[in-house]
């Protein structure tokens, strides 16, 4: 399982451990990933994602999964999240056509 956020594409970064004597050794900074279940109001079901804590805060800030996916870039989303985005867009387009 790769350590990449499914919604933002945030992954590991590299840097240095720096000791008091200024000795530098390479290290990895890993994203804070969590397994969460997010509810889609447009589709009426929930989806499981492995996302970073920052992405979870962004989803809450934007008002839910549907509104987050509307603004999300396709290049940052995983394959699973891209399928969800297209399903949400399709259901919202049909809802607008009916009203």
Protein backbone atom coordinates (compact mmCIF):
# COMPACT_ATOMS: atom_id res chain seq x y z
CA UNK A 1 0.00 0.00 0.00
CA UNK A 2 1.54 3.28 -1.08
CA UNK A 3 1.73 6.19 1.33
CA UNK A 4 -0.13 8.68 -0.86
CA UNK A 5 -3.32 10.58 -0.04
CA UNK A 6 -6.13 9.52 -2.38
CA UNK A 7 -7.71 12.99 -2.55
CA UNK A 8 -4.76 15.40 -2.61
CA UNK A 9 -1.89 13.27 -3.92
CA UNK A 10 0.27 14.24 -0.94
CA UNK A 11 3.12 11.73 -0.52
CA UNK A 12 6.41 11.23 1.34
CA UNK A 13 9.03 13.98 1.28
CA UNK A 14 12.74 13.70 1.99
CA UNK A 15 15.01 15.79 4.15
CA UNK A 16 17.77 15.61 6.72
CA UNK A 17 18.06 14.62 10.35
CA UNK A 18 20.37 17.26 11.81
CA UNK A 19 22.17 16.44 15.05
CA UNK A 20 23.47 18.94 17.57
CA UNK A 21 26.89 18.57 15.92
CA UNK A 22 25.28 19.41 12.53
CA UNK A 23 25.74 15.87 11.19
CA UNK A 24 23.19 15.29 8.46
CA UNK A 25 21.59 11.96 7.57
CA UNK A 26 18.75 11.46 5.11
CA UNK A 27 15.21 10.79 6.34
CA UNK A 28 11.64 10.62 5.07
CA UNK A 29 8.71 12.79 6.16
CA UNK A 30 5.57 10.66 5.81
CA UNK A 31 2.08 12.14 5.42
CA UNK A 32 -0.41 11.64 8.26
CA UNK A 33 -2.72 9.15 6.50
CA UNK A 34 -5.98 7.89 8.00
CA UNK A 35 -8.55 5.36 6.81
CA UNK A 36 -11.88 7.19 6.73
CA UNK A 37 -15.38 6.62 5.40
CA UNK A 38 -16.91 9.67 3.72
CA UNK A 39 -20.61 10.03 2.89
CA UNK A 40 -21.75 11.27 -0.53
CA UNK A 41 -25.05 13.13 -0.36
CA UNK A 42 -25.59 13.05 -4.13
CA UNK A 43 -25.14 9.28 -4.42
CA UNK A 44 -26.60 8.41 -1.02
CA UNK A 45 -23.80 6.05 -0.03
CA UNK A 46 -20.41 6.06 1.67
CA UNK A 47 -16.90 5.50 0.34
CA UNK A 48 -13.69 4.40 2.09
CA UNK A 49 -10.55 6.42 1.41
CA UNK A 50 -7.02 6.63 2.78
CA UNK A 51 -6.51 10.36 3.10
CA UNK A 52 -4.27 12.79 4.98
CA UNK A 53 -5.49 14.69 8.02
CA UNK A 54 -5.14 17.95 6.05
CA UNK A 55 -7.39 16.56 3.30
CA UNK A 56 -10.00 15.56 5.88
CA UNK A 57 -10.03 19.12 7.24
CA UNK A 58 -10.38 20.45 3.68
CA UNK A 59 -13.34 18.15 2.98
CA UNK A 60 -15.04 19.42 6.14
CA UNK A 61 -14.22 23.05 5.28
CA UNK A 62 -15.69 22.80 1.78
CA UNK A 63 -18.89 21.22 3.05
CA UNK A 64 -18.59 17.51 2.32
CA UNK A 65 -17.29 15.02 -0.18
CA UNK A 66 -19.49 16.18 -3.07
CA UNK A 67 -18.35 19.79 -2.91
CA UNK A 68 -14.71 18.76 -2.44
CA UNK A 69 -14.83 16.52 -5.53
CA UNK A 70 -16.37 19.34 -7.60
CA UNK A 71 -13.25 21.48 -7.06
CA UNK A 72 -10.65 18.68 -7.00
CA UNK A 73 -8.16 18.34 -9.87
CA UNK A 74 -8.25 15.03 -11.73
CA UNK A 75 -4.45 14.72 -11.68
CA UNK A 76 -4.33 14.70 -7.86
CA UNK A 77 -7.06 12.07 -7.36
CA UNK A 78 -6.45 8.33 -7.22
CA UNK A 79 -8.22 5.99 -9.67
CA UNK A 80 -10.81 5.08 -7.05
CA UNK A 81 -11.50 8.72 -6.16
CA UNK A 82 -11.73 9.66 -9.84
CA UNK A 83 -14.51 7.09 -10.36
CA UNK A 84 -16.37 8.55 -7.39
CA UNK A 85 -15.94 12.09 -8.77
CA UNK A 86 -17.37 11.10 -12.15
CA UNK A 87 -20.32 9.31 -10.51
CA UNK A 88 -21.08 12.39 -8.39
CA UNK A 89 -20.86 14.67 -11.43
CA UNK A 90 -23.15 12.38 -13.41
CA UNK A 91 -25.77 12.19 -10.66
CA UNK A 92 -25.73 15.97 -10.11
CA UNK A 93 -26.10 16.56 -13.87
CA UNK A 94 -29.15 14.29 -14.02
CA UNK A 95 -30.63 15.97 -10.92
CA UNK A 96 -30.26 19.39 -12.58
CA UNK A 97 -31.84 18.10 -15.80
CA UNK A 98 -34.88 16.79 -13.93
CA UNK A 99 -35.52 20.04 -12.06
